[in-house]
N, C-alpha and C. Protein backbone atom coordinates (compact mmCIF):
# COMPACT_ATOMS: atom_id res chain seq x y z
N MET A 1 -17.89 -27.81 -26.49
CA MET A 1 -19.24 -27.95 -25.98
C MET A 1 -19.66 -26.67 -25.24
N GLU A 2 -18.77 -26.14 -24.44
CA GLU A 2 -19.10 -24.93 -23.69
C GLU A 2 -19.38 -23.75 -24.63
N LYS A 3 -18.63 -23.68 -25.73
CA LYS A 3 -18.84 -22.60 -26.70
C LYS A 3 -20.22 -22.73 -27.36
N LEU A 4 -20.60 -23.96 -27.70
CA LEU A 4 -21.93 -24.18 -28.27
C LEU A 4 -23.01 -23.69 -27.31
N LYS A 5 -22.84 -24.02 -26.04
CA LYS A 5 -23.81 -23.61 -25.03
C LYS A 5 -23.81 -22.10 -24.84
N SER A 6 -22.64 -21.53 -24.64
CA SER A 6 -22.57 -20.10 -24.32
C SER A 6 -23.00 -19.21 -25.48
N GLU A 7 -22.82 -19.67 -26.70
CA GLU A 7 -23.21 -18.88 -27.86
C GLU A 7 -24.62 -19.19 -28.36
N GLY A 8 -25.32 -20.06 -27.65
CA GLY A 8 -26.72 -20.35 -27.98
C GLY A 8 -26.94 -21.16 -29.22
N HIS A 9 -26.00 -22.03 -29.56
CA HIS A 9 -26.14 -22.84 -30.77
C HIS A 9 -26.95 -24.11 -30.56
N ILE A 10 -27.22 -24.47 -29.33
CA ILE A 10 -28.01 -25.67 -29.05
C ILE A 10 -29.48 -25.27 -29.12
N THR A 11 -30.18 -25.79 -30.11
CA THR A 11 -31.56 -25.37 -30.36
C THR A 11 -32.61 -26.38 -29.93
N PHE A 12 -32.26 -27.65 -29.94
CA PHE A 12 -33.20 -28.70 -29.55
C PHE A 12 -32.50 -29.71 -28.67
N LYS A 13 -33.26 -30.24 -27.70
CA LYS A 13 -32.74 -31.31 -26.84
C LYS A 13 -33.81 -32.39 -26.72
N TYR A 14 -33.35 -33.60 -26.48
CA TYR A 14 -34.27 -34.70 -26.20
C TYR A 14 -34.74 -34.52 -24.76
N MET A 15 -36.05 -34.39 -24.57
CA MET A 15 -36.62 -34.15 -23.25
C MET A 15 -37.75 -35.14 -22.98
N ASP A 16 -37.92 -35.47 -21.70
CA ASP A 16 -39.05 -36.33 -21.35
C ASP A 16 -40.31 -35.47 -21.23
N LYS A 17 -41.41 -36.09 -20.89
CA LYS A 17 -42.68 -35.36 -20.83
C LYS A 17 -42.71 -34.31 -19.73
N ASN A 18 -41.75 -34.36 -18.80
CA ASN A 18 -41.66 -33.37 -17.73
C ASN A 18 -40.66 -32.27 -18.04
N GLY A 19 -40.09 -32.29 -19.24
CA GLY A 19 -39.15 -31.25 -19.64
C GLY A 19 -37.73 -31.45 -19.13
N LYS A 20 -37.40 -32.68 -18.76
CA LYS A 20 -36.05 -32.98 -18.28
C LYS A 20 -35.26 -33.69 -19.36
N GLU A 21 -33.97 -33.33 -19.48
CA GLU A 21 -33.10 -34.02 -20.44
C GLU A 21 -33.17 -35.51 -20.17
N SER A 22 -33.11 -36.29 -21.24
CA SER A 22 -33.37 -37.70 -21.08
C SER A 22 -32.38 -38.57 -21.84
N ASN A 23 -32.29 -39.80 -21.40
CA ASN A 23 -31.47 -40.82 -22.05
C ASN A 23 -32.37 -41.72 -22.89
N TYR A 24 -31.81 -42.81 -23.38
CA TYR A 24 -32.54 -43.78 -24.18
C TYR A 24 -33.78 -44.23 -23.42
N PRO A 25 -34.90 -44.39 -24.04
CA PRO A 25 -35.19 -44.37 -25.46
C PRO A 25 -35.59 -42.99 -26.00
N ILE A 26 -35.78 -42.01 -25.12
CA ILE A 26 -36.15 -40.68 -25.61
C ILE A 26 -35.01 -40.05 -26.39
N ASN A 27 -33.79 -40.28 -25.94
CA ASN A 27 -32.58 -39.84 -26.65
C ASN A 27 -32.03 -41.09 -27.33
N PRO A 28 -32.55 -41.45 -28.51
CA PRO A 28 -32.25 -42.74 -29.12
C PRO A 28 -30.81 -42.95 -29.56
N ASN A 29 -30.09 -41.87 -29.82
CA ASN A 29 -28.71 -42.05 -30.30
C ASN A 29 -27.67 -41.78 -29.22
N GLY A 30 -28.12 -41.49 -27.99
CA GLY A 30 -27.19 -41.26 -26.90
C GLY A 30 -26.36 -40.01 -27.05
N SER A 31 -26.90 -38.98 -27.66
CA SER A 31 -26.13 -37.75 -27.90
C SER A 31 -25.72 -37.09 -26.59
N VAL A 32 -24.57 -36.45 -26.62
CA VAL A 32 -24.02 -35.75 -25.46
C VAL A 32 -24.98 -34.65 -25.03
N ASP A 33 -25.23 -34.55 -23.75
CA ASP A 33 -26.11 -33.53 -23.18
C ASP A 33 -27.50 -33.54 -23.81
N SER A 34 -27.91 -34.66 -24.35
CA SER A 34 -29.23 -34.82 -24.97
C SER A 34 -29.47 -33.85 -26.12
N ILE A 35 -28.41 -33.42 -26.79
CA ILE A 35 -28.54 -32.46 -27.89
C ILE A 35 -29.17 -33.13 -29.11
N ALA A 36 -30.22 -32.49 -29.62
CA ALA A 36 -30.91 -33.00 -30.80
C ALA A 36 -30.75 -32.08 -32.01
N GLY A 37 -30.42 -30.80 -31.76
CA GLY A 37 -30.27 -29.86 -32.87
C GLY A 37 -29.33 -28.72 -32.55
N LEU A 38 -28.61 -28.29 -33.56
CA LEU A 38 -27.66 -27.17 -33.46
C LEU A 38 -27.93 -26.18 -34.58
N THR A 39 -27.57 -24.94 -34.34
CA THR A 39 -27.69 -23.92 -35.37
C THR A 39 -26.37 -23.18 -35.54
N ASP A 40 -26.22 -22.53 -36.68
CA ASP A 40 -25.02 -21.72 -36.90
C ASP A 40 -25.19 -20.37 -36.22
N SER A 41 -24.19 -19.51 -36.34
CA SER A 41 -24.23 -18.22 -35.66
C SER A 41 -25.32 -17.29 -36.18
N THR A 42 -25.78 -17.51 -37.41
CA THR A 42 -26.86 -16.66 -37.95
C THR A 42 -28.23 -17.14 -37.51
N GLY A 43 -28.32 -18.40 -37.09
CA GLY A 43 -29.61 -18.98 -36.73
C GLY A 43 -30.40 -19.45 -37.92
N ARG A 44 -29.84 -19.34 -39.11
CA ARG A 44 -30.56 -19.72 -40.32
C ARG A 44 -30.23 -21.13 -40.80
N VAL A 45 -29.16 -21.71 -40.28
CA VAL A 45 -28.78 -23.07 -40.68
C VAL A 45 -28.98 -23.98 -39.47
N LEU A 46 -29.80 -25.00 -39.65
CA LEU A 46 -30.15 -25.90 -38.56
C LEU A 46 -29.72 -27.32 -38.89
N GLY A 47 -29.01 -27.94 -37.97
CA GLY A 47 -28.69 -29.36 -38.07
C GLY A 47 -29.55 -30.08 -37.05
N LEU A 48 -30.32 -31.05 -37.49
CA LEU A 48 -31.30 -31.69 -36.63
C LEU A 48 -31.21 -33.21 -36.76
N MET A 49 -31.02 -33.89 -35.64
CA MET A 49 -30.91 -35.34 -35.70
C MET A 49 -32.27 -36.03 -35.81
N PRO A 50 -33.27 -35.69 -35.01
CA PRO A 50 -34.56 -36.36 -35.21
C PRO A 50 -35.09 -36.01 -36.60
N HIS A 51 -35.93 -36.84 -37.12
CA HIS A 51 -36.45 -36.64 -38.47
C HIS A 51 -37.94 -36.31 -38.42
N PRO A 52 -38.29 -35.02 -38.25
CA PRO A 52 -39.71 -34.67 -38.17
C PRO A 52 -40.48 -34.99 -39.45
N GLU A 53 -39.78 -35.05 -40.57
CA GLU A 53 -40.47 -35.34 -41.83
C GLU A 53 -40.98 -36.78 -41.91
N ARG A 54 -40.58 -37.61 -40.98
CA ARG A 54 -41.02 -39.01 -41.01
C ARG A 54 -42.48 -39.17 -40.60
N TYR A 55 -43.05 -38.17 -39.94
CA TYR A 55 -44.46 -38.27 -39.55
C TYR A 55 -45.11 -36.90 -39.64
N ILE A 56 -45.39 -36.49 -40.85
CA ILE A 56 -46.10 -35.23 -41.05
C ILE A 56 -47.50 -35.46 -41.62
N ARG A 57 -47.73 -36.62 -42.15
CA ARG A 57 -49.05 -36.98 -42.68
C ARG A 57 -49.54 -38.23 -41.94
N PRO A 58 -50.86 -38.35 -41.75
CA PRO A 58 -51.39 -39.49 -41.00
C PRO A 58 -50.95 -40.85 -41.56
N THR A 59 -50.85 -40.95 -42.87
CA THR A 59 -50.50 -42.25 -43.47
C THR A 59 -49.06 -42.66 -43.22
N GLN A 60 -48.24 -41.76 -42.65
CA GLN A 60 -46.86 -42.12 -42.33
C GLN A 60 -46.74 -42.78 -40.96
N HIS A 61 -47.78 -42.70 -40.16
CA HIS A 61 -47.76 -43.32 -38.83
C HIS A 61 -47.92 -44.83 -39.00
N PRO A 62 -47.17 -45.63 -38.23
CA PRO A 62 -47.25 -47.08 -38.41
C PRO A 62 -48.64 -47.67 -38.17
N HIS A 63 -49.46 -47.00 -37.39
CA HIS A 63 -50.81 -47.50 -37.11
C HIS A 63 -51.86 -46.54 -37.66
N TRP A 64 -51.56 -45.93 -38.79
CA TRP A 64 -52.41 -44.87 -39.33
C TRP A 64 -53.85 -45.31 -39.56
N SER A 65 -54.06 -46.54 -39.94
CA SER A 65 -55.43 -46.97 -40.23
C SER A 65 -56.28 -47.08 -38.96
N ARG A 66 -55.63 -47.15 -37.80
CA ARG A 66 -56.35 -47.24 -36.53
C ARG A 66 -56.44 -45.90 -35.80
N LEU A 67 -55.81 -44.86 -36.36
CA LEU A 67 -55.84 -43.56 -35.70
C LEU A 67 -57.25 -42.96 -35.74
N LYS A 68 -57.68 -42.41 -34.64
CA LYS A 68 -58.98 -41.74 -34.61
C LYS A 68 -58.89 -40.37 -35.26
N ASN A 69 -57.82 -39.66 -34.95
CA ASN A 69 -57.63 -38.31 -35.47
C ASN A 69 -56.65 -38.37 -36.64
N LYS A 70 -57.15 -38.29 -37.84
CA LYS A 70 -56.29 -38.42 -39.02
C LYS A 70 -55.92 -37.05 -39.59
N THR A 71 -55.35 -36.22 -38.72
CA THR A 71 -54.88 -34.91 -39.15
C THR A 71 -53.36 -34.98 -39.33
N ASP A 72 -52.77 -33.87 -39.74
CA ASP A 72 -51.31 -33.84 -39.88
C ASP A 72 -50.66 -34.25 -38.57
N GLY A 73 -49.52 -34.92 -38.67
CA GLY A 73 -48.78 -35.33 -37.50
C GLY A 73 -48.27 -34.14 -36.72
N ASP A 74 -48.02 -34.34 -35.43
CA ASP A 74 -47.55 -33.23 -34.60
C ASP A 74 -46.19 -32.71 -35.04
N ARG A 75 -45.46 -33.49 -35.79
CA ARG A 75 -44.15 -33.05 -36.26
C ARG A 75 -44.24 -32.06 -37.42
N MET A 76 -45.43 -31.89 -37.95
CA MET A 76 -45.63 -30.90 -39.01
C MET A 76 -45.45 -29.49 -38.46
N THR A 77 -45.56 -29.34 -37.15
CA THR A 77 -45.45 -28.04 -36.50
C THR A 77 -44.15 -27.34 -36.85
N ILE A 78 -43.04 -28.05 -36.88
CA ILE A 78 -41.75 -27.43 -37.17
C ILE A 78 -41.74 -26.81 -38.57
N PHE A 79 -42.37 -27.46 -39.51
CA PHE A 79 -42.42 -26.94 -40.88
C PHE A 79 -43.38 -25.75 -40.98
N ASN A 80 -44.52 -25.85 -40.30
CA ASN A 80 -45.46 -24.73 -40.29
C ASN A 80 -44.83 -23.49 -39.65
N ASN A 81 -44.09 -23.70 -38.57
CA ASN A 81 -43.42 -22.58 -37.91
C ASN A 81 -42.37 -21.94 -38.82
N ALA A 82 -41.65 -22.75 -39.56
CA ALA A 82 -40.63 -22.22 -40.48
C ALA A 82 -41.28 -21.37 -41.57
N VAL A 83 -42.37 -21.85 -42.13
CA VAL A 83 -43.08 -21.09 -43.17
C VAL A 83 -43.61 -19.78 -42.60
N ARG A 84 -44.20 -19.85 -41.42
CA ARG A 84 -44.72 -18.63 -40.79
C ARG A 84 -43.60 -17.62 -40.54
N PHE A 85 -42.46 -18.09 -40.04
CA PHE A 85 -41.32 -17.20 -39.78
C PHE A 85 -40.86 -16.51 -41.05
N ILE A 86 -40.74 -17.27 -42.12
CA ILE A 86 -40.28 -16.69 -43.39
C ILE A 86 -41.28 -15.66 -43.91
N LYS A 87 -42.56 -15.98 -43.85
CA LYS A 87 -43.58 -15.03 -44.32
C LYS A 87 -43.56 -13.74 -43.51
N GLU A 88 -43.34 -13.85 -42.21
CA GLU A 88 -43.37 -12.68 -41.34
C GLU A 88 -42.09 -11.86 -41.39
N ASN A 89 -40.98 -12.46 -41.80
CA ASN A 89 -39.69 -11.78 -41.70
C ASN A 89 -38.99 -11.49 -43.01
N PHE A 90 -39.52 -12.00 -44.11
CA PHE A 90 -38.83 -11.79 -45.39
C PHE A 90 -39.77 -11.29 -46.46
């Protein structure tokens, strides 16, 4: 665990709205140190426990028909950022 921390492999953590590491229900699987994502030493391989792809379109939200703002889900941000990074760096 210390090696993961010291080498910067922890990329995502479960945090509350105040930016503090959190337990259930924000950390739904009870992961150690609220870790939600890890990366390899190159930073190009990401292991991620939350599933951002589950809500990238309005119709994927359980109450989508009642949503006022029917735009892409906030979890689409991770995919947009990845595309932008690739376009800018490769």
